[in-house]
Amino acid sequence: MRWHASSPGGTAPLPLPDPPNARPQRTGAQLRTRGGPPVQPLGGPAMEWLSDPSAWAGLLTLVVLEIVLGIDNLVFIAILADKLPPHQRDRARMIGLSLALVLRLCLLAAIAHLVRLTTPVFEWGWLSLSWRDVILLAGGIFLLWKATTELHERLEGIDHSGPERKEHAAFGVVLVQIVALDAVFSLDSIITAVGMVQHLPVMMAAVVSAMAVMMLASRPLTAFVNRHPTVVVLCLSFLLMIGLSLVADGMGFHMPKGYLYAAIGFSILIEFFNQWRLRNIARHAARIPLRERTARTVLRLLGGQEAGGAGASGSPASAAVSAGAGAALHAGFRQEERAMVRGVLSLAEQSVLSIMTPRADVDWLDISQDKASLYRQLQAQPHGLFPVCDRGGLDAVIGVGRAKDLMADLIGRGTIDRHQSLQPPLIVPETVSILRLMENLRRSRNHLALVSDEYGTILGLVTPMDVLEAIAGEFPDAGEDLLVQPVGPDRWLVDGLVDLHTLARAVRVERLARSAQDASTLGGLLLEQFGELPEPGRATVLHGLRFEVIAVDGRRIARVDVRRDAPAVPAPPA
């Protein structure tokens, strides 16, 4: 007698009938599994197996194997059910599992007929096919076709489960495909059962127990598969392997199932490591504030962030998105639009100290001065609002007035009317966020806020125009120079008072905005780097940029030459 290739479920091989000149074929009751005891007649005593320890061991083993085969079946049912409208998916899944159970029980009831399906019904040269072979070939070809079409759709990036999907498959079409899959996997399951145990009640108990477990686990398993698209692709690759194995078995080629299961097990192990890695990446990413993660993702999509910048620590998935979609978005947005969006998204990261006008540059009025001095000061300055102070200086501010109202008072009355022309000053702490500052300015009538430290000292002032410049760039007044002046390719002449976010956008080095520990301006950053007030001509290199101090005004750095082509640092003498 010759032995047929083993079944797709990893079972012992079934015997094929001998050639006509061989010894007579044995009956189904005399069939043996490879290395196992003879299969007892299925019509024996019904309760005899309850006292057989080997029957219970076979039952437990078979339940485990049936669950493994059932998981494959459930995964593919979930893939097919995902094509249906959401309210029909659970029903299709339960119907599919129920049909799988019914098919398995029917096949078990017809087991005596199944063992006779190995009689050749078609022979042509070396090719000899029985009805079992035909069934395996048909099932394998169906699995190959189904796996190939599903893989093609997913590799093409077609969405299957998004809420915006408008077209769904018909329930009947999906149900027919589920029945076909159930038939293939049921045949595989029954061949496994026949090769392992001898008693029909044991086989049926194992099938029913395994299917009950799968019905209970169907919802969480389906949810897991839908949350992890890579698992779907992996399962479809398994479907290809199983289909190819069925075709080979049907053609009479022996493929050791140990190799197949080893490949599947190794693939599952690699996918487990991949899912564990993605879980760790998500856990570490959760430590970063949601606003910052969102800003990084959008900045990468806009194509305006250098490698290794803020977005370099993102997940591989977001990096892949930026690699594909970022190029298209980079071409669709102008440079000015990208800069403005970056300004909006980075606004929450900036401090009010980085956008305010420092105390030394604040123009204010001393109400104790004479009429002529106040009038000349109002005419010389282009501001619309002025802090008005008493003899104590800026720290003794008494109100904020509009230039036109103050000039009208000086012309009509010769003095400033404190009660009619001045509004109470809006004083905010230096720790206030820019978003909270915008809300305070929106409620204020004078649209000017004075920034104070914890000791009550006025550090500077901020207006809505300062917030707008933080988003869209500078709006210099008449006769006012730009804080960042391009003077050549990759070279800029920069005021020491420029805030780091503005400079980072100008030189397109986003890491520069996060380089300082406590400082918010370029002058403060260089003081941190040097540790002292530098002399003109002193230079340092940071993030591929060379900063050379060219002017110092009193105790602050006034002008800095910034260039990208930083010269190499000479090697120390040997």
Protein backbone atom coordinates (compact mmCIF):
# COMPACT_ATOMS: atom_id res chain seq x y z
CA MET A 1 0.00 0.00 0.00
CA ARG A 2 1.22 3.52 -0.77
CA TRP A 3 0.63 6.47 1.57
CA HIS A 4 -0.98 9.71 0.50
CA ALA A 5 0.49 13.08 1.42
CA SER A 6 -0.44 14.24 4.89
CA SER A 7 -3.41 16.51 5.38
CA PRO A 8 -3.20 20.32 5.55
CA GLY A 9 -3.93 20.25 9.24
CA GLY A 10 -0.70 18.47 10.12
CA THR A 11 -2.33 15.05 10.56
CA ALA A 12 -1.06 11.59 9.90
CA PRO A 13 -1.27 10.56 6.23
CA LEU A 14 -4.21 8.66 4.89
CA PRO A 15 -3.64 5.50 2.80
CA LEU A 16 -4.37 5.41 -0.89
CA PRO A 17 -5.49 2.17 -2.57
CA ASP A 18 -2.84 -0.07 -4.02
CA PRO A 19 -2.47 -0.75 -7.74
CA PRO A 20 -4.65 -3.52 -9.18
CA ASN A 21 -1.87 -6.12 -8.99
CA ALA A 22 -1.19 -5.40 -5.30
CA ARG A 23 -2.70 -7.08 -2.30
CA PRO A 24 -6.38 -6.33 -1.61
CA GLN A 25 -7.29 -3.02 -0.09
CA ARG A 26 -8.14 -2.92 3.60
CA THR A 27 -11.37 -1.56 4.93
CA GLY A 28 -11.79 1.68 6.83
CA ALA A 29 -11.88 -0.20 10.15
CA GLN A 30 -8.40 -1.60 9.44
CA LEU A 31 -6.76 1.74 8.54
CA ARG A 32 -3.86 2.78 10.67
CA THR A 33 -2.41 6.23 11.31
CA ARG A 34 1.35 6.54 10.90
CA GLY A 35 2.90 5.01 13.99
CA GLY A 36 -0.48 4.88 15.78
CA PRO A 37 -2.96 2.18 16.79
CA PRO A 38 -5.57 0.94 14.42
CA VAL A 39 -8.74 3.00 14.13
CA GLN A 40 -11.54 1.23 15.95
CA PRO A 41 -14.86 0.76 14.19
CA LEU A 42 -16.99 3.82 14.61
CA GLY A 43 -20.04 1.84 15.58
CA GLY A 44 -18.56 0.44 18.85
CA PRO A 45 -20.06 0.91 22.29
CA ALA A 46 -20.98 4.55 22.84
CA MET A 47 -19.64 4.91 26.37
CA GLU A 48 -16.59 2.65 26.13
CA TRP A 49 -14.21 5.56 25.56
CA LEU A 50 -15.06 7.19 28.91
CA SER A 51 -12.88 4.65 30.73
CA ASP A 52 -10.00 4.92 28.29
CA PRO A 53 -7.24 7.32 29.56
CA SER A 54 -5.77 7.57 26.08
CA ALA A 55 -9.13 8.83 24.81
CA TRP A 56 -9.09 11.70 27.32
CA ALA A 57 -5.50 12.59 26.43
CA GLY A 58 -6.44 12.55 22.77
CA LEU A 59 -9.47 14.71 23.53
CA LEU A 60 -7.36 17.42 25.19
CA THR A 61 -4.76 17.33 22.45
CA LEU A 62 -7.37 17.45 19.74
CA VAL A 63 -9.17 20.38 21.39
CA VAL A 64 -5.93 22.38 21.32
CA LEU A 65 -5.30 21.56 17.66
CA GLU A 66 -8.90 22.32 16.72
CA ILE A 67 -8.62 25.72 18.44
CA VAL A 68 -5.48 26.46 16.43
CA LEU A 69 -7.24 25.55 13.19
CA GLY A 70 -10.31 27.47 14.36
CA ILE A 71 -8.26 30.63 14.91
CA ASP A 72 -7.22 30.57 11.26
CA ASN A 73 -10.83 30.10 10.26
CA LEU A 74 -11.99 32.91 12.55
CA VAL A 75 -9.37 35.35 11.31
CA PHE A 76 -10.41 34.85 7.71
CA ILE A 77 -14.08 35.11 8.63
CA ALA A 78 -13.26 38.43 10.34
CA ILE A 79 -11.45 39.64 7.20
CA LEU A 80 -14.47 38.81 5.05
CA ALA A 81 -16.97 40.22 7.57
CA ASP A 82 -15.03 43.49 7.61
CA LYS A 83 -16.35 44.15 4.10
CA LEU A 84 -19.90 44.34 5.45
CA PRO A 85 -21.62 47.33 7.10
CA PRO A 86 -20.70 47.56 10.81
CA HIS A 87 -24.12 46.45 12.03
CA GLN A 88 -23.89 43.17 10.04
CA ARG A 89 -20.36 42.10 10.97
CA ASP A 90 -21.14 40.41 14.28
CA ARG A 91 -24.02 38.48 12.74
CA ALA A 92 -21.86 37.32 9.81
CA ARG A 93 -19.11 36.23 12.18
CA MET A 94 -21.43 34.18 14.38
CA ILE A 95 -23.17 32.65 11.36
CA GLY A 96 -19.77 31.74 9.91
CA LEU A 97 -18.64 30.01 13.11
CA SER A 98 -21.97 28.22 13.44
CA LEU A 99 -21.75 26.95 9.86
CA ALA A 100 -18.20 25.80 10.53
CA LEU A 101 -19.43 23.78 13.51
CA VAL A 102 -22.30 22.26 11.51
CA LEU A 103 -19.99 21.31 8.62
CA ARG A 104 -17.51 19.68 10.98
CA LEU A 105 -20.19 17.63 12.71
CA CYS A 106 -21.70 16.56 9.38
CA LEU A 107 -18.32 15.51 8.07
CA LEU A 108 -17.66 13.56 11.26
CA ALA A 109 -20.99 11.79 10.87
CA ALA A 110 -19.96 10.81 7.33
CA ILE A 111 -16.47 9.73 8.39
CA ALA A 112 -16.97 6.19 7.11
CA HIS A 113 -17.61 7.59 3.66
CA LEU A 114 -14.68 10.02 3.90
CA VAL A 115 -12.16 7.27 4.36
CA ARG A 116 -13.27 5.80 1.01
CA LEU A 117 -12.65 9.08 -0.87
CA THR A 118 -9.08 7.97 -1.60
CA THR A 119 -10.10 5.67 -4.45
CA PRO A 120 -8.63 7.08 -7.71
CA VAL A 121 -11.24 8.46 -10.05
CA PHE A 122 -8.87 10.03 -12.59
CA GLU A 123 -5.48 8.84 -13.83
CA TRP A 124 -3.28 10.36 -16.47
CA GLY A 125 0.31 9.29 -16.60
CA TRP A 126 1.88 9.92 -13.23
CA LEU A 127 -1.12 11.96 -12.07
CA SER A 128 -3.76 10.02 -10.13
CA LEU A 129 -6.59 11.92 -8.45
CA SER A 130 -9.18 10.75 -5.99
CA TRP A 131 -12.23 12.68 -4.81
CA ARG A 132 -10.22 13.69 -1.75
CA ASP A 133 -7.51 15.03 -4.03
CA VAL A 134 -10.07 16.96 -6.07
CA ILE A 135 -11.51 18.48 -2.90
CA LEU A 136 -8.02 19.47 -1.73
CA LEU A 137 -7.18 20.97 -5.12
CA ALA A 138 -10.42 22.95 -5.26
CA GLY A 139 -9.99 24.20 -1.68
CA GLY A 140 -6.34 25.11 -2.24
CA ILE A 141 -7.06 27.02 -5.45
CA PHE A 142 -9.89 28.89 -3.70
CA LEU A 143 -7.60 29.82 -0.80
CA LEU A 144 -4.85 30.98 -3.17
CA TRP A 145 -7.31 33.12 -5.12
CA LYS A 146 -8.88 34.63 -2.01
CA ALA A 147 -5.55 35.35 -0.31
CA THR A 148 -4.10 36.90 -3.48
CA THR A 149 -7.05 39.25 -4.02
CA GLU A 150 -7.14 40.31 -0.36
CA LEU A 151 -3.39 40.93 -0.29
CA HIS A 152 -3.63 42.94 -3.50
CA GLU A 153 -6.28 45.23 -2.02
CA ARG A 154 -4.31 45.80 1.15
CA LEU A 155 -0.99 46.35 -0.59
CA GLU A 156 -2.72 48.89 -2.83
CA GLY A 157 -3.76 50.78 0.31
CA ILE A 158 -7.52 50.35 -0.09
CA ASP A 159 -9.32 51.15 3.18
CA HIS A 160 -11.65 48.42 4.42
CA SER A 161 -12.89 49.66 7.75
CA GLY A 162 -12.83 53.45 7.77
CA PRO A 163 -16.01 55.28 8.73
CA GLU A 164 -15.90 57.20 5.47
CA ARG A 165 -16.25 54.03 3.41
CA LYS A 166 -19.48 54.28 1.41
CA GLU A 167 -19.59 50.92 -0.45
CA HIS A 168 -19.97 47.59 1.31
CA ALA A 169 -20.19 44.05 0.04
CA ALA A 170 -23.56 42.28 -0.08
CA PHE A 171 -24.30 40.06 2.89
CA GLY A 172 -25.11 37.06 0.68
CA VAL A 173 -21.85 37.31 -1.29
CA VAL A 174 -19.77 37.45 1.88
CA LEU A 175 -21.74 34.58 3.39
CA VAL A 176 -21.07 32.36 0.35
CA GLN A 177 -17.33 33.03 0.68
CA ILE A 178 -17.49 32.25 4.40
CA VAL A 179 -19.22 28.93 3.67
CA ALA A 180 -16.51 28.04 1.12
CA LEU A 181 -13.79 28.85 3.65
CA ASP A 182 -15.61 26.83 6.30
CA ALA A 183 -15.77 23.84 3.98
CA VAL A 184 -12.01 23.94 3.32
CA PHE A 185 -11.06 24.36 6.96
CA SER A 186 -13.64 21.81 8.09
CA LEU A 187 -12.11 19.17 5.83
CA ASP A 188 -8.71 20.01 7.26
CA SER A 189 -10.08 19.79 10.79
CA ILE A 190 -11.79 16.44 10.26
CA ILE A 191 -8.72 14.86 8.70
CA THR A 192 -6.78 16.01 11.76
CA ALA A 193 -9.35 14.43 14.09
CA VAL A 194 -9.35 11.11 12.22
CA GLY A 195 -5.57 10.91 12.41
CA MET A 196 -5.40 11.47 16.17
CA VAL A 197 -8.25 9.66 17.93
CA GLN A 198 -10.29 6.51 17.36
CA HIS A 199 -13.70 7.34 18.84
CA LEU A 200 -16.33 9.39 17.09
CA PRO A 201 -17.75 10.89 20.35
CA VAL A 202 -14.24 12.12 21.24
CA MET A 203 -13.93 13.79 17.86
CA MET A 204 -17.30 15.48 18.16
CA ALA A 205 -16.63 16.62 21.74
CA ALA A 206 -13.30 18.13 20.70
CA VAL A 207 -14.85 19.95 17.74
CA VAL A 208 -17.74 21.34 19.81
CA SER A 209 -15.42 22.41 22.65
CA ALA A 210 -13.00 24.15 20.31
CA MET A 211 -15.79 25.95 18.46
CA ALA A 212 -17.33 27.13 21.76
CA VAL A 213 -14.00 28.63 22.75
CA MET A 214 -13.72 30.35 19.37
CA MET A 215 -17.20 31.84 19.66
CA LEU A 216 -16.32 33.31 23.04
CA ALA A 217 -13.03 34.69 21.74
CA SER A 218 -14.37 35.87 18.40
CA ARG A 219 -15.12 39.48 19.38
CA PRO A 220 -11.79 40.33 21.13
CA LEU A 221 -9.79 38.45 18.48
CA THR A 222 -11.57 40.31 15.68
CA ALA A 223 -11.00 43.64 17.43
CA PHE A 224 -7.29 42.80 17.80
CA VAL A 225 -6.96 41.92 14.12
CA ASN A 226 -8.73 45.14 13.07
CA ARG A 227 -6.44 47.24 15.28
CA HIS A 228 -3.29 45.68 13.81
CA PRO A 229 -3.25 45.70 9.98
CA THR A 230 0.07 43.87 9.88
CA VAL A 231 -1.59 40.89 11.55
CA VAL A 232 -4.13 40.76 8.73
CA VAL A 233 -1.36 40.68 6.13
CA LEU A 234 0.43 37.97 8.12
CA CYS A 235 -2.74 35.85 8.28
CA LEU A 236 -3.28 36.25 4.54
CA SER A 237 0.26 35.03 3.96
CA PHE A 238 -0.61 31.99 6.07
CA LEU A 239 -3.65 31.50 3.86
CA LEU A 240 -1.33 31.45 0.84
CA MET A 241 0.90 28.84 2.49
CA ILE A 242 -2.06 26.64 3.44
CA GLY A 243 -3.55 26.94 -0.04
CA LEU A 244 -0.25 25.99 -1.65
CA SER A 245 0.03 23.03 0.74
CA LEU A 246 -3.47 21.85 -0.19
CA VAL A 247 -2.68 22.08 -3.91
CA ALA A 248 0.55 20.13 -3.42
CA ASP A 249 -1.25 17.46 -1.40
CA GLY A 250 -3.93 17.19 -4.04
CA MET A 251 -1.28 16.72 -6.73
CA GLY A 252 0.36 13.94 -4.74
CA PHE A 253 3.48 15.81 -3.60
CA HIS A 254 4.50 15.19 -0.04
CA MET A 255 5.21 18.41 1.91
CA PRO A 256 6.19 17.78 5.53
CA LYS A 257 3.75 19.72 7.69
CA GLY A 258 6.44 20.27 10.28
CA TYR A 259 8.17 22.70 7.91
CA LEU A 260 4.91 24.53 7.27
CA TYR A 261 4.05 24.87 10.93
CA ALA A 262 7.62 25.87 11.77
CA ALA A 263 7.44 28.69 9.22
CA ILE A 264 4.07 29.82 10.57
CA GLY A 265 5.28 29.67 14.16
CA PHE A 266 8.45 31.61 13.34
CA SER A 267 6.43 34.26 11.51
CA ILE A 268 4.08 34.61 14.49
CA LEU A 269 7.08 35.00 16.79
CA ILE A 270 8.54 37.77 14.60
CA GLU A 271 5.16 39.53 14.49
CA PHE A 272 4.94 39.24 18.27
CA PHE A 273 8.29 40.99 18.58
CA ASN A 274 7.11 43.64 16.11
CA GLN A 275 3.89 44.28 18.06
CA TRP A 276 5.86 44.43 21.32
CA ARG A 277 8.21 47.00 19.78
CA LEU A 278 5.31 49.13 18.53
CA ARG A 279 3.73 48.93 21.98
CA ASN A 280 6.92 50.19 23.60
CA ILE A 281 7.20 53.00 21.04
CA ALA A 282 3.62 54.04 21.77
CA ARG A 283 4.26 53.93 25.51
CA HIS A 284 7.34 56.15 25.22
CA ALA A 285 5.55 58.51 22.84
CA ALA A 286 2.70 58.88 25.33
CA ARG A 287 5.11 60.62 27.69
CA ILE A 288 5.35 63.52 25.23
CA PRO A 289 2.42 65.97 25.50
CA LEU A 290 -0.28 65.42 22.91
CA ARG A 291 0.04 68.97 21.62
CA GLU A 292 3.74 68.53 20.96
CA ARG A 293 3.25 65.17 19.24
CA THR A 294 0.55 66.64 17.01
CA ALA A 295 2.71 69.63 16.16
CA ARG A 296 5.66 67.40 15.27
CA THR A 297 3.53 65.25 12.99
CA VAL A 298 2.08 68.24 11.14
CA LEU A 299 5.50 69.85 10.83
CA ARG A 300 6.92 66.68 9.27
CA LEU A 301 4.00 66.53 6.84
CA LEU A 302 4.65 70.12 5.82
CA GLY A 303 8.22 69.17 4.99
CA GLY A 304 9.77 72.02 6.93
CA GLN A 305 11.70 70.15 9.59
CA GLU A 306 15.22 68.93 9.24
CA ALA A 307 16.26 65.40 9.99
CA GLY A 308 17.06 64.88 13.60
CA GLY A 309 14.86 67.74 14.66
CA ALA A 310 11.77 67.67 16.75
CA GLY A 311 10.18 65.06 14.66
CA ALA A 312 13.06 62.68 14.67
CA SER A 313 11.85 60.94 17.76
CA GLY A 314 8.49 60.05 16.28
CA SER A 315 7.29 56.57 15.55
CA PRO A 316 8.29 54.66 12.40
CA ALA A 317 4.69 54.83 11.22
CA SER A 318 4.63 58.61 11.36
CA ALA A 319 8.06 58.73 9.74
CA ALA A 320 6.72 56.60 6.88
CA VAL A 321 3.75 58.93 6.52
CA SER A 322 6.02 61.95 6.34
CA ALA A 323 8.20 60.22 3.76
CA GLY A 324 5.26 59.55 1.45
CA ALA A 325 2.74 62.29 2.10
CA GLY A 326 5.29 64.89 3.14
CA ALA A 327 6.69 65.23 -0.36
CA ALA A 328 3.24 65.88 -1.84
CA LEU A 329 2.32 68.36 0.87
CA HIS A 330 5.67 70.09 0.54
CA ALA A 331 4.91 70.70 -3.11
CA GLY A 332 1.35 71.85 -2.35
CA PHE A 333 2.26 74.51 0.25
CA ARG A 334 4.30 77.63 -0.38
CA GLN A 335 7.21 78.44 1.90
CA GLU A 336 5.28 81.31 3.51
CA GLU A 337 2.33 79.03 4.27
CA ARG A 338 4.55 76.38 5.83
CA ALA A 339 6.30 79.00 7.94
CA MET A 340 2.99 80.38 9.19
CA VAL A 341 1.64 76.94 10.13
CA ARG A 342 4.89 76.19 11.97
CA GLY A 343 4.54 79.49 13.79
CA VAL A 344 1.02 78.63 14.96
CA LEU A 345 1.96 75.12 16.10
CA SER A 346 5.07 76.29 17.95
CA LEU A 347 3.29 79.19 19.64
CA ALA A 348 2.40 77.18 22.74
CA GLU A 349 6.08 76.23 23.19
CA GLN A 350 7.24 79.84 23.34
CA SER A 351 7.34 81.92 26.48
CA VAL A 352 6.04 85.46 26.74
CA LEU A 353 9.64 86.57 27.33
CA SER A 354 10.55 85.47 23.79
CA ILE A 355 8.00 87.72 22.07
CA MET A 356 7.85 90.78 24.37
CA THR A 357 9.64 94.08 23.81
CA PRO A 358 12.33 94.17 26.55
CA ARG A 359 12.29 96.90 29.16
CA ALA A 360 15.28 98.69 27.67
CA ASP A 361 13.40 99.22 24.38
CA VAL A 362 10.04 100.22 25.87
CA ASP A 363 8.94 103.82 25.13
CA TRP A 364 6.93 105.22 28.03
CA LEU A 365 5.72 108.63 29.18
CA ASP A 366 6.53 110.34 32.46
CA ILE A 367 3.42 112.29 33.45
CA SER A 368 5.51 114.62 35.59
CA GLN A 369 7.30 116.05 32.54
CA ASP A 370 6.26 119.35 31.00
CA LYS A 371 3.80 119.67 28.15
CA ALA A 372 6.43 120.35 25.45
CA SER A 373 8.53 117.27 26.33
CA LEU A 374 5.51 115.01 26.32
CA TYR A 375 4.28 116.42 23.04
CA ARG A 376 7.67 115.96 21.33
CA GLN A 377 7.89 112.38 22.57
CA LEU A 378 4.43 111.57 21.28
CA GLN A 379 5.28 113.02 17.87
CA ALA A 380 8.62 111.21 17.63
CA GLN A 381 7.36 107.73 18.43
CA PRO A 382 5.13 105.75 15.98
CA HIS A 383 3.27 103.85 18.69
CA GLY A 384 -0.47 104.00 19.20
CA LEU A 385 -0.38 103.08 22.92
CA PHE A 386 1.92 104.32 25.66
CA PRO A 387 2.47 103.25 29.26
CA VAL A 388 2.16 106.36 31.42
CA CYS A 389 4.26 106.40 34.58
CA ASP A 390 4.91 108.62 37.53
CA ARG A 391 8.24 109.75 38.88
CA GLY A 392 9.23 106.21 39.88
CA GLY A 393 9.85 105.11 36.31
CA LEU A 394 8.35 102.15 34.44
CA ASP A 395 7.80 100.22 37.67
CA ALA A 396 5.46 103.01 38.80
CA VAL A 397 3.09 102.74 35.83
CA ILE A 398 -0.29 104.38 36.48
CA GLY A 399 -2.09 103.53 33.26
CA VAL A 400 -2.04 103.04 29.51
CA GLY A 401 -3.27 105.71 27.11
CA ARG A 402 -3.87 106.07 23.39
CA ALA A 403 -1.53 108.47 21.64
CA LYS A 404 -4.37 110.43 20.04
CA ASP A 405 -6.16 110.90 23.39
CA LEU A 406 -2.96 111.99 25.11
CA MET A 407 -2.15 114.51 22.37
CA ALA A 408 -5.69 115.88 22.53
CA ASP A 409 -5.29 116.37 26.29
CA LEU A 410 -1.98 118.18 25.85
CA ILE A 411 -3.40 120.44 23.14
CA GLY A 412 -6.71 121.17 24.85
CA ARG A 413 -5.86 121.10 28.55
CA GLY A 414 -2.05 121.25 28.65
CA THR A 415 -1.88 118.12 30.79
CA ILE A 416 -2.90 114.45 30.64
CA ASP A 417 -6.28 113.61 32.18
CA ARG A 418 -5.61 110.59 34.38
CA HIS A 419 -9.26 109.71 34.84
CA GLN A 420 -10.56 110.05 31.26
CA SER A 421 -7.58 109.22 29.01
CA LEU A 422 -5.82 106.44 30.96
CA GLN A 423 -6.93 102.84 31.33
CA PRO A 424 -5.73 100.56 34.15
CA PRO A 425 -2.59 98.71 33.06
CA LEU A 426 -2.79 94.97 32.26
CA ILE A 427 0.11 93.33 34.09
CA VAL A 428 0.83 89.62 33.48
CA PRO A 429 3.48 87.39 35.09
CA GLU A 430 6.48 86.25 33.08
CA THR A 431 5.32 82.65 33.41
CA VAL A 432 2.03 83.20 31.58
CA SER A 433 1.55 81.17 28.39
CA ILE A 434 1.06 82.96 25.11
CA LEU A 435 -2.37 81.38 24.67
CA ARG A 436 -3.47 82.68 28.06
CA LEU A 437 -1.93 86.06 27.22
CA MET A 438 -4.00 86.24 24.03
CA GLU A 439 -7.15 85.64 26.06
CA ASN A 440 -6.20 88.43 28.48
CA LEU A 441 -5.48 90.82 25.62
CA ARG A 442 -8.82 89.96 24.03
CA ARG A 443 -10.64 91.00 27.19
CA SER A 444 -8.51 94.11 27.75
CA ARG A 445 -9.56 97.47 26.32
CA ASN A 446 -6.06 98.85 25.76
CA HIS A 447 -4.48 95.80 23.98
CA LEU A 448 -1.18 96.22 25.77
CA ALA A 449 0.20 94.07 28.57
CA LEU A 450 3.18 94.71 30.83
CA VAL A 451 5.22 91.66 31.83
CA SER A 452 6.33 91.52 35.45
CA ASP A 453 8.56 89.17 37.41
CA GLU A 454 7.82 87.76 40.84
CA TYR A 455 9.28 90.85 42.53
CA GLY A 456 7.04 93.30 40.68
CA THR A 457 9.70 94.59 38.32
CA ILE A 458 8.46 95.36 34.82
CA LEU A 459 10.43 93.29 32.32
CA GLY A 460 8.82 94.49 29.10
CA LEU A 461 5.56 94.85 27.25
CA VAL A 462 3.68 92.76 24.71
CA THR A 463 0.92 93.61 22.23
CA PRO A 464 -1.22 91.59 19.79
CA MET A 465 1.25 92.63 17.07
CA ASP A 466 4.00 90.76 18.93
CA VAL A 467 1.86 87.61 18.90
CA LEU A 468 1.19 88.05 15.18
CA GLU A 469 4.91 88.47 14.48
CA ALA A 470 5.58 85.24 16.36
CA ILE A 471 3.29 83.50 13.87
CA ALA A 472 3.90 85.27 10.56
CA GLY A 473 7.27 86.95 10.99
CA GLU A 474 8.42 90.51 11.53
CA PHE A 475 6.45 93.65 10.68
CA PRO A 476 9.10 96.38 11.10
CA ASP A 477 8.06 99.95 11.66
CA ALA A 478 9.23 102.75 9.39
CA GLY A 479 13.00 103.19 9.73
CA GLU A 480 13.32 99.99 11.80
CA ASP A 481 15.75 97.29 10.71
CA LEU A 482 14.85 93.60 10.56
CA LEU A 483 16.03 91.55 13.49
CA VAL A 484 17.23 88.86 11.06
CA GLN A 485 18.76 90.32 7.90
CA PRO A 486 19.91 87.94 5.14
CA VAL A 487 23.27 89.20 3.85
CA GLY A 488 24.19 86.32 1.57
CA PRO A 489 23.66 82.63 0.87
CA ASP A 490 23.36 80.88 4.24
CA ARG A 491 24.45 83.99 6.12
CA TRP A 492 22.48 86.38 8.33
CA LEU A 493 23.13 89.49 10.40
CA VAL A 494 21.06 89.00 13.56
CA ASP A 495 20.09 91.28 16.43
CA GLY A 496 20.92 89.81 19.82
CA LEU A 497 17.35 90.44 20.99
CA VAL A 498 15.75 88.16 18.39
CA ASP A 499 13.89 85.27 19.97
CA LEU A 500 15.14 81.79 19.21
CA HIS A 501 11.94 80.59 17.53
CA THR A 502 12.09 83.43 15.00
CA LEU A 503 15.76 82.73 14.32
CA ALA A 504 15.10 78.97 14.02
CA ARG A 505 12.47 79.60 11.35
CA ALA A 506 14.77 82.00 9.48
CA VAL A 507 17.75 79.64 9.36
CA ARG A 508 15.51 76.51 9.15
CA VAL A 509 17.11 74.71 12.09
CA GLU A 510 14.23 73.81 14.42
CA ARG A 511 16.52 72.38 17.11
CA LEU A 512 17.89 75.85 17.69
CA ALA A 513 14.62 76.91 19.35
CA ARG A 514 15.18 74.32 22.10
CA SER A 515 18.91 74.83 22.60
CA ALA A 516 18.79 77.29 25.51
CA GLN A 517 18.11 76.21 29.07
CA ASP A 518 16.64 79.45 30.40
CA ALA A 519 17.27 82.08 27.72
CA SER A 520 14.70 83.02 25.09
CA THR A 521 16.83 85.25 22.83
CA LEU A 522 19.96 84.73 20.78
CA GLY A 523 21.94 86.97 23.12
CA GLY A 524 20.88 84.88 26.09
CA LEU A 525 21.79 81.65 24.29
CA LEU A 526 25.30 82.93 23.52
CA LEU A 527 25.76 84.09 27.10
CA GLU A 528 24.91 80.54 28.20
CA GLN A 529 27.43 79.14 25.71
CA PHE A 530 30.27 81.52 26.63
CA GLY A 531 29.54 81.77 30.34
CA GLU A 532 30.40 85.50 30.28
CA LEU A 533 29.84 88.63 28.23
CA PRO A 534 31.97 87.99 25.12
CA GLU A 535 34.23 90.40 23.32
CA PRO A 536 33.50 91.27 19.67
CA GLY A 537 34.99 88.64 17.36
CA ARG A 538 34.39 85.70 19.66
CA ALA A 539 32.60 82.81 17.94
CA THR A 540 31.04 79.43 18.65
CA VAL A 541 29.50 76.65 16.57
CA LEU A 542 26.09 75.18 17.39
CA HIS A 543 23.89 72.85 15.29
CA GLY A 544 26.04 73.40 12.19
CA LEU A 545 25.82 77.21 12.49
CA ARG A 546 28.67 79.56 13.32
CA PHE A 547 27.79 82.46 15.61
CA GLU A 548 30.27 85.34 15.75
CA VAL A 549 29.68 88.31 18.05
CA ILE A 550 30.32 91.52 16.10
CA ALA A 551 28.88 94.16 18.47
CA VAL A 552 28.24 94.50 22.20
CA ASP A 553 26.05 97.25 23.64
CA GLY A 554 26.76 97.77 27.30
CA ARG A 555 26.02 94.50 29.04
CA ARG A 556 24.21 92.78 26.17
CA ILE A 557 25.12 91.24 22.83
CA ALA A 558 23.90 93.62 20.12
CA ARG A 559 24.74 92.04 16.74
CA VAL A 560 25.75 88.55 15.70
CA ASP A 561 26.98 87.19 12.38
CA VAL A 562 25.39 83.78 11.69
CA ARG A 563 26.47 81.56 8.83
CA ARG A 564 25.78 77.98 7.93
CA ASP A 565 29.14 77.10 6.35
CA ALA A 566 30.85 76.68 9.69
CA PRO A 567 34.61 76.19 9.26
CA ALA A 568 36.10 73.02 10.62
CA VAL A 569 37.56 73.27 14.11
CA PRO A 570 41.36 72.90 13.85
CA ALA A 571 42.75 69.76 15.37
CA PRO A 572 44.83 70.19 18.52
CA PRO A 573 48.61 69.96 18.04
CA ALA A 574 50.11 66.55 18.49
